Amino acid sequence: PYQPKSKPNPLKRKENPNKDQACHHFHVVGHWKRNCPLYLEELRANKKKSEPSAAVSGNLFAIELFYLTYRLNSWVYDTGYGIHVCNTLRGFKEERKLSYGVQYLQVGNGTQATVEAIGMFDLVLPLGLVLKL
């Protein structure tokens, strides 16, 4: 009968391959940067600082449209993004008015535009598909 030969393991693990090497972040011998407890703690602290808050509107979102000719009733819809901007409140199914200056958008020329309302809008495409924005 046929018996398969066992394959030798070409990668033999050392007991602790990084015990004599220094961390590239804090230069401590005994671990690498990816395992450095001080570095990992620093990453966690920075991540907590950068988490967005509902009350803070400090994130910058940009869309650039070059050489785009458009009609006033046309749309640019970014399917990979969850926030959409329109220049009129007409057609909103639901809306929540905001106090003046609570939230704003910075436009391409550097000026700020105040957000008047946040709401739901049904965008009906020519084939009848409805996108709920």
N, C-alpha and C. Protein backbone atom coordinates (compact mmCIF):
# COMPACT_ATOMS: atom_id res chain seq x y z
N PRO A 1 0.82 -1.18 0.00
CA PRO A 1 0.00 0.00 0.00
C PRO A 1 0.87 1.25 0.00
N TYR A 2 0.29 2.32 -0.53
CA TYR A 2 0.99 3.60 -0.65
C TYR A 2 0.88 4.38 0.65
N GLN A 3 2.01 4.85 1.15
CA GLN A 3 2.02 5.70 2.34
C GLN A 3 2.72 7.00 1.97
N PRO A 4 2.02 8.13 2.16
CA PRO A 4 2.65 9.41 1.82
C PRO A 4 3.80 9.72 2.76
N LYS A 5 4.81 10.35 2.19
CA LYS A 5 5.95 10.74 3.00
C LYS A 5 5.60 12.03 3.74
N SER A 6 6.04 12.12 4.93
CA SER A 6 5.81 13.36 5.68
C SER A 6 6.80 14.41 5.19
N LYS A 7 6.30 15.64 5.06
CA LYS A 7 7.14 16.73 4.57
C LYS A 7 7.85 17.35 5.75
N PRO A 8 9.15 17.58 5.61
CA PRO A 8 9.86 18.25 6.70
C PRO A 8 9.43 19.73 6.77
N ASN A 9 9.36 20.26 7.95
CA ASN A 9 8.98 21.65 8.14
C ASN A 9 10.22 22.52 7.91
N PRO A 10 10.25 23.29 6.79
CA PRO A 10 11.44 24.08 6.49
C PRO A 10 11.60 25.28 7.44
N LEU A 11 10.50 25.73 8.04
CA LEU A 11 10.57 26.88 8.95
C LEU A 11 10.54 26.39 10.38
N LYS A 12 11.69 26.30 10.97
CA LYS A 12 11.75 25.89 12.36
C LYS A 12 11.69 27.14 13.21
N ARG A 13 10.77 27.15 14.13
CA ARG A 13 10.61 28.32 14.99
C ARG A 13 11.68 28.33 16.08
N LYS A 14 12.14 29.53 16.33
CA LYS A 14 13.06 29.70 17.43
C LYS A 14 12.22 29.89 18.69
N GLU A 15 12.83 29.75 19.82
CA GLU A 15 12.08 29.92 21.07
C GLU A 15 11.49 31.32 21.17
N ASN A 16 12.31 32.32 21.03
CA ASN A 16 11.85 33.70 21.07
C ASN A 16 12.73 34.49 20.11
N PRO A 17 12.29 34.65 18.85
CA PRO A 17 13.17 35.25 17.85
C PRO A 17 13.52 36.71 18.12
N ASN A 18 12.74 37.40 18.95
CA ASN A 18 13.00 38.82 19.15
C ASN A 18 13.54 39.14 20.54
N LYS A 19 13.99 38.14 21.28
CA LYS A 19 14.45 38.41 22.65
C LYS A 19 15.72 39.24 22.69
N ASP A 20 16.52 39.19 21.61
CA ASP A 20 17.77 39.95 21.58
C ASP A 20 17.66 41.21 20.71
N GLN A 21 16.49 41.45 20.14
CA GLN A 21 16.34 42.60 19.25
C GLN A 21 15.62 43.73 19.97
N ALA A 22 15.90 44.94 19.53
CA ALA A 22 15.32 46.13 20.18
C ALA A 22 14.08 46.61 19.43
N CYS A 23 13.16 47.13 20.19
CA CYS A 23 11.96 47.75 19.66
C CYS A 23 12.36 49.01 18.88
N HIS A 24 11.82 49.20 17.69
CA HIS A 24 12.18 50.36 16.88
C HIS A 24 11.48 51.63 17.34
N HIS A 25 10.56 51.52 18.28
CA HIS A 25 9.82 52.70 18.74
C HIS A 25 10.46 53.30 20.00
N PHE A 26 10.64 52.46 21.03
CA PHE A 26 11.23 52.95 22.28
C PHE A 26 12.61 52.37 22.54
N HIS A 27 13.14 51.58 21.61
CA HIS A 27 14.48 51.00 21.68
C HIS A 27 14.69 50.15 22.94
N VAL A 28 13.67 49.40 23.30
CA VAL A 28 13.76 48.48 24.44
C VAL A 28 14.03 47.09 23.89
N VAL A 29 15.01 46.41 24.45
CA VAL A 29 15.36 45.06 23.99
C VAL A 29 14.35 44.07 24.55
N GLY A 30 13.95 43.12 23.72
CA GLY A 30 13.07 42.05 24.18
C GLY A 30 11.75 41.97 23.45
N HIS A 31 11.44 42.94 22.62
CA HIS A 31 10.22 42.87 21.83
C HIS A 31 10.36 43.79 20.61
N TRP A 32 9.46 43.57 19.66
CA TRP A 32 9.43 44.41 18.48
C TRP A 32 8.38 45.49 18.65
N LYS A 33 8.35 46.45 17.74
CA LYS A 33 7.41 47.56 17.82
C LYS A 33 5.97 47.07 17.84
N ARG A 34 5.63 46.09 17.01
CA ARG A 34 4.25 45.61 16.94
C ARG A 34 3.79 44.96 18.24
N ASN A 35 4.73 44.54 19.10
CA ASN A 35 4.40 43.94 20.39
C ASN A 35 4.71 44.86 21.56
N CYS A 36 5.17 46.05 21.30
CA CYS A 36 5.60 46.97 22.35
C CYS A 36 4.39 47.45 23.16
N PRO A 37 4.35 47.16 24.46
CA PRO A 37 3.20 47.57 25.26
C PRO A 37 3.03 49.09 25.33
N LEU A 38 4.12 49.83 25.35
CA LEU A 38 4.03 51.29 25.38
C LEU A 38 3.49 51.85 24.06
N TYR A 39 3.95 51.28 22.96
CA TYR A 39 3.48 51.71 21.64
C TYR A 39 2.00 51.39 21.46
N LEU A 40 1.59 50.19 21.87
CA LEU A 40 0.19 49.80 21.74
C LEU A 40 -0.72 50.68 22.59
N GLU A 41 -0.26 51.03 23.77
CA GLU A 41 -1.04 51.92 24.64
C GLU A 41 -1.15 53.32 24.01
N GLU A 42 -0.07 53.77 23.40
CA GLU A 42 -0.07 55.06 22.72
C GLU A 42 -1.06 55.05 21.55
N LEU A 43 -1.10 53.95 20.80
CA LEU A 43 -2.05 53.82 19.70
C LEU A 43 -3.48 53.87 20.20
N ARG A 44 -3.76 53.15 21.29
CA ARG A 44 -5.11 53.15 21.86
C ARG A 44 -5.51 54.55 22.32
N ALA A 45 -4.60 55.26 22.94
CA ALA A 45 -4.89 56.62 23.41
C ALA A 45 -5.17 57.56 22.24
N ASN A 46 -4.38 57.46 21.18
CA ASN A 46 -4.59 58.30 20.00
C ASN A 46 -5.89 57.97 19.30
N LYS A 47 -6.25 56.69 19.30
CA LYS A 47 -7.49 56.27 18.66
C LYS A 47 -8.68 56.86 19.41
N LYS A 48 -8.63 56.85 20.74
CA LYS A 48 -9.73 57.41 21.53
C LYS A 48 -9.86 58.91 21.28
N LYS A 49 -8.73 59.60 21.12
CA LYS A 49 -8.76 61.04 20.87
C LYS A 49 -9.38 61.35 19.52
N SER A 50 -9.13 60.49 18.52
CA SER A 50 -9.57 60.79 17.17
C SER A 50 -10.96 60.26 16.85
N GLU A 51 -11.62 59.56 17.79
CA GLU A 51 -12.96 59.07 17.51
C GLU A 51 -13.90 60.25 17.37
N PRO A 52 -14.73 60.24 16.29
CA PRO A 52 -15.62 61.38 16.08
C PRO A 52 -16.72 61.44 17.12
N SER A 53 -17.11 62.63 17.45
CA SER A 53 -18.20 62.85 18.39
C SER A 53 -19.36 63.48 17.64
N ALA A 54 -20.57 63.20 18.04
CA ALA A 54 -21.74 63.74 17.37
C ALA A 54 -21.81 65.26 17.51
N ALA A 55 -21.25 65.79 18.56
CA ALA A 55 -21.33 67.23 18.79
C ALA A 55 -20.22 67.99 18.09
N VAL A 56 -19.18 67.30 17.66
CA VAL A 56 -18.04 67.96 17.05
C VAL A 56 -18.13 67.81 15.54
N SER A 57 -17.96 68.90 14.83
CA SER A 57 -18.00 68.83 13.37
C SER A 57 -16.64 69.20 12.81
N GLY A 58 -15.57 68.65 13.38
CA GLY A 58 -14.23 69.00 12.97
C GLY A 58 -13.69 68.17 11.82
N ASN A 59 -14.43 67.18 11.34
CA ASN A 59 -13.95 66.35 10.25
C ASN A 59 -14.12 67.10 8.93
N LEU A 60 -13.20 66.89 8.03
CA LEU A 60 -13.25 67.56 6.74
C LEU A 60 -13.62 66.54 5.68
N PHE A 61 -14.70 66.79 4.98
CA PHE A 61 -15.15 65.92 3.90
C PHE A 61 -15.11 66.75 2.62
N ALA A 62 -14.52 66.20 1.58
CA ALA A 62 -14.37 66.99 0.36
C ALA A 62 -14.76 66.18 -0.86
N ILE A 63 -15.34 66.86 -1.82
CA ILE A 63 -15.61 66.26 -3.12
C ILE A 63 -15.11 67.27 -4.16
N GLU A 64 -14.35 66.79 -5.11
CA GLU A 64 -13.81 67.67 -6.14
C GLU A 64 -14.42 67.30 -7.47
N LEU A 65 -14.94 68.27 -8.16
CA LEU A 65 -15.54 68.06 -9.47
C LEU A 65 -14.83 68.98 -10.46
N PHE A 66 -14.06 68.39 -11.37
CA PHE A 66 -13.32 69.18 -12.34
C PHE A 66 -14.00 69.09 -13.70
N TYR A 67 -14.11 70.21 -14.36
CA TYR A 67 -14.65 70.27 -15.72
C TYR A 67 -16.00 69.58 -15.83
N LEU A 68 -16.82 69.76 -14.83
CA LEU A 68 -18.12 69.12 -14.82
C LEU A 68 -19.16 70.15 -15.26
N THR A 69 -19.83 69.84 -16.35
CA THR A 69 -20.94 70.70 -16.74
C THR A 69 -22.20 70.05 -16.21
N TYR A 70 -23.05 70.84 -15.60
CA TYR A 70 -24.23 70.27 -14.97
C TYR A 70 -25.40 71.23 -15.07
N ARG A 71 -26.57 70.66 -14.95
CA ARG A 71 -27.79 71.46 -14.87
C ARG A 71 -28.11 71.66 -13.40
N LEU A 72 -28.90 72.64 -13.08
CA LEU A 72 -29.23 72.92 -11.69
C LEU A 72 -30.01 71.79 -11.03
N ASN A 73 -30.69 70.96 -11.81
CA ASN A 73 -31.45 69.85 -11.22
C ASN A 73 -30.69 68.53 -11.27
N SER A 74 -29.39 68.56 -11.55
CA SER A 74 -28.60 67.33 -11.61
C SER A 74 -28.02 67.01 -10.24
N TRP A 75 -27.57 65.77 -10.06
CA TRP A 75 -27.04 65.29 -8.78
C TRP A 75 -25.67 64.66 -8.99
N VAL A 76 -24.85 64.75 -7.98
CA VAL A 76 -23.62 63.96 -7.88
C VAL A 76 -23.82 63.08 -6.67
N TYR A 77 -23.84 61.77 -6.88
CA TYR A 77 -24.11 60.84 -5.79
C TYR A 77 -22.90 59.95 -5.59
N ASP A 78 -22.27 60.05 -4.45
CA ASP A 78 -21.11 59.23 -4.10
C ASP A 78 -21.63 58.00 -3.37
N THR A 79 -21.59 56.85 -4.03
CA THR A 79 -22.17 55.64 -3.44
C THR A 79 -21.37 55.11 -2.27
N GLY A 80 -20.15 55.57 -2.10
CA GLY A 80 -19.34 55.08 -0.99
C GLY A 80 -19.37 55.98 0.23
N TYR A 81 -20.30 56.91 0.26
CA TYR A 81 -20.30 57.87 1.35
C TYR A 81 -21.68 57.99 1.95
N GLY A 82 -21.77 58.26 3.22
CA GLY A 82 -23.05 58.27 3.92
C GLY A 82 -23.64 59.64 4.16
N ILE A 83 -22.93 60.70 3.77
CA ILE A 83 -23.43 62.06 3.96
C ILE A 83 -23.59 62.70 2.59
N HIS A 84 -24.72 63.33 2.36
CA HIS A 84 -25.00 63.94 1.07
C HIS A 84 -25.46 65.38 1.30
N VAL A 85 -25.14 66.24 0.36
CA VAL A 85 -25.41 67.66 0.49
C VAL A 85 -26.30 68.09 -0.67
N CYS A 86 -27.32 68.91 -0.37
CA CYS A 86 -28.12 69.49 -1.44
C CYS A 86 -28.31 70.97 -1.14
N ASN A 87 -28.70 71.72 -2.17
CA ASN A 87 -28.78 73.17 -2.02
C ASN A 87 -30.21 73.68 -1.80
N THR A 88 -31.15 72.79 -1.55
CA THR A 88 -32.52 73.19 -1.29
C THR A 88 -33.17 72.23 -0.30
N LEU A 89 -34.15 72.72 0.43
CA LEU A 89 -34.87 71.86 1.37
C LEU A 89 -36.12 71.26 0.73
N ARG A 90 -36.42 71.67 -0.51
CA ARG A 90 -37.59 71.11 -1.19
C ARG A 90 -37.39 69.63 -1.42
N GLY A 91 -38.40 68.86 -1.18
CA GLY A 91 -38.34 67.43 -1.42
C GLY A 91 -37.95 66.60 -0.21
N PHE A 92 -37.61 67.23 0.88
CA PHE A 92 -37.26 66.49 2.09
C PHE A 92 -38.50 65.76 2.61
N LYS A 93 -38.37 64.49 2.94
CA LYS A 93 -39.46 63.72 3.54
C LYS A 93 -39.54 64.02 5.03
N GLU A 94 -38.40 64.13 5.66
CA GLU A 94 -38.30 64.49 7.08
C GLU A 94 -37.18 65.51 7.16
N GLU A 95 -37.30 66.44 8.08
CA GLU A 95 -36.19 67.37 8.28
C GLU A 95 -36.16 67.85 9.72
N ARG A 96 -34.96 68.11 10.16
CA ARG A 96 -34.75 68.65 11.50
C ARG A 96 -33.95 69.94 11.33
N LYS A 97 -34.59 71.05 11.63
CA LYS A 97 -33.95 72.36 11.50
C LYS A 97 -32.89 72.52 12.59
N LEU A 98 -31.79 73.14 12.23
CA LEU A 98 -30.71 73.39 13.17
C LEU A 98 -30.64 74.87 13.49
N SER A 99 -30.19 75.19 14.67
CA SER A 99 -29.96 76.59 15.03
C SER A 99 -28.81 77.13 14.19
N TYR A 100 -28.84 78.42 13.91
CA TYR A 100 -27.82 79.04 13.08
C TYR A 100 -26.43 78.86 13.71
N GLY A 101 -25.49 78.35 12.91
CA GLY A 101 -24.10 78.22 13.35
C GLY A 101 -23.78 76.96 14.12
N VAL A 102 -24.76 76.09 14.32
CA VAL A 102 -24.50 74.85 15.06
C VAL A 102 -23.57 73.95 14.26
N GLN A 103 -23.81 73.88 12.94
CA GLN A 103 -22.99 73.04 12.08
C GLN A 103 -22.77 73.79 10.77
N TYR A 104 -21.61 73.60 10.18
CA TYR A 104 -21.32 74.30 8.94
C TYR A 104 -20.49 73.42 8.02
N LEU A 105 -20.45 73.80 6.75
CA LEU A 105 -19.61 73.14 5.75
C LEU A 105 -18.61 74.16 5.24
N GLN A 106 -17.41 73.71 4.99
CA GLN A 106 -16.41 74.60 4.39
C GLN A 106 -16.36 74.27 2.91
N VAL A 107 -16.63 75.25 2.08
CA VAL A 107 -16.67 75.03 0.64
C VAL A 107 -15.32 75.33 0.01
N GLY A 108 -15.20 75.01 -1.28
CA GLY A 108 -13.92 75.05 -1.96
C GLY A 108 -13.18 76.36 -1.92
N ASN A 109 -13.88 77.48 -1.90
CA ASN A 109 -13.19 78.77 -1.89
C ASN A 109 -12.82 79.22 -0.48
N GLY A 110 -13.04 78.34 0.52
CA GLY A 110 -12.64 78.64 1.88
C GLY A 110 -13.72 79.23 2.76
N THR A 111 -14.84 79.63 2.18
CA THR A 111 -15.92 80.20 2.99
C THR A 111 -16.70 79.08 3.67
N GLN A 112 -17.46 79.46 4.68
CA GLN A 112 -18.25 78.48 5.41
C GLN A 112 -19.73 78.70 5.11
N ALA A 113 -20.44 77.60 4.89
CA ALA A 113 -21.88 77.65 4.66
C ALA A 113 -22.56 76.99 5.84
N THR A 114 -23.54 77.67 6.40
CA THR A 114 -24.26 77.13 7.56
C THR A 114 -25.20 76.02 7.12
N VAL A 115 -25.24 74.94 7.87
CA VAL A 115 -26.18 73.85 7.62
C VAL A 115 -27.52 74.27 8.20
N GLU A 116 -28.56 74.29 7.36
CA GLU A 116 -29.87 74.73 7.82
C GLU A 116 -30.69 73.59 8.41
N ALA A 117 -30.56 72.40 7.82
CA ALA A 117 -31.38 71.28 8.28
C ALA A 117 -30.71 69.97 7.94
N ILE A 118 -31.11 68.93 8.64
CA ILE A 118 -30.68 67.56 8.37
C ILE A 118 -31.96 66.77 8.16
N GLY A 119 -31.99 65.96 7.12
CA GLY A 119 -33.23 65.24 6.88
C GLY A 119 -33.09 64.07 5.93
N MET A 120 -34.24 63.53 5.55
CA MET A 120 -34.32 62.39 4.64
C MET A 120 -34.87 62.87 3.30
N PHE A 121 -34.31 62.33 2.22
CA PHE A 121 -34.73 62.73 0.88
C PHE A 121 -34.81 61.49 0.02
N ASP A 122 -35.87 61.35 -0.76
CA ASP A 122 -36.00 60.24 -1.70
C ASP A 122 -35.57 60.72 -3.07
N LEU A 123 -34.47 60.17 -3.57
CA LEU A 123 -33.98 60.51 -4.90
C LEU A 123 -34.51 59.45 -5.85
N VAL A 124 -35.41 59.84 -6.75
CA VAL A 124 -36.03 58.90 -7.69
C VAL A 124 -35.24 58.94 -8.99
N LEU A 125 -34.69 57.79 -9.37
CA LEU A 125 -33.90 57.68 -10.59
C LEU A 125 -34.81 57.46 -11.79
N PRO A 126 -34.35 57.72 -13.02
CA PRO A 126 -35.19 57.59 -14.21
C PRO A 126 -35.84 56.21 -14.38
N LEU A 127 -35.19 55.15 -13.94
CA LEU A 127 -35.76 53.81 -14.08
C LEU A 127 -36.73 53.46 -12.96
N GLY A 128 -36.98 54.40 -12.05
CA GLY A 128 -37.93 54.16 -10.97
C GLY A 128 -37.31 53.74 -9.66
N LEU A 129 -36.03 53.49 -9.64
CA LEU A 129 -35.35 53.12 -8.40
C LEU A 129 -35.32 54.33 -7.47
N VAL A 130 -35.59 54.11 -6.18
CA VAL A 130 -35.62 55.19 -5.21
C VAL A 130 -34.45 55.02 -4.26
N LEU A 131 -33.59 56.03 -4.18
CA LEU A 131 -32.49 56.04 -3.23
C LEU A 131 -32.90 56.90 -2.05
N LYS A 132 -32.85 56.35 -0.86
CA LYS A 132 -33.22 57.09 0.34
C LYS A 132 -31.95 57.72 0.91
N LEU A 133 -31.88 59.03 0.84
CA LEU A 133 -30.70 59.76 1.31
C LEU A 133 -31.04 60.46 2.60
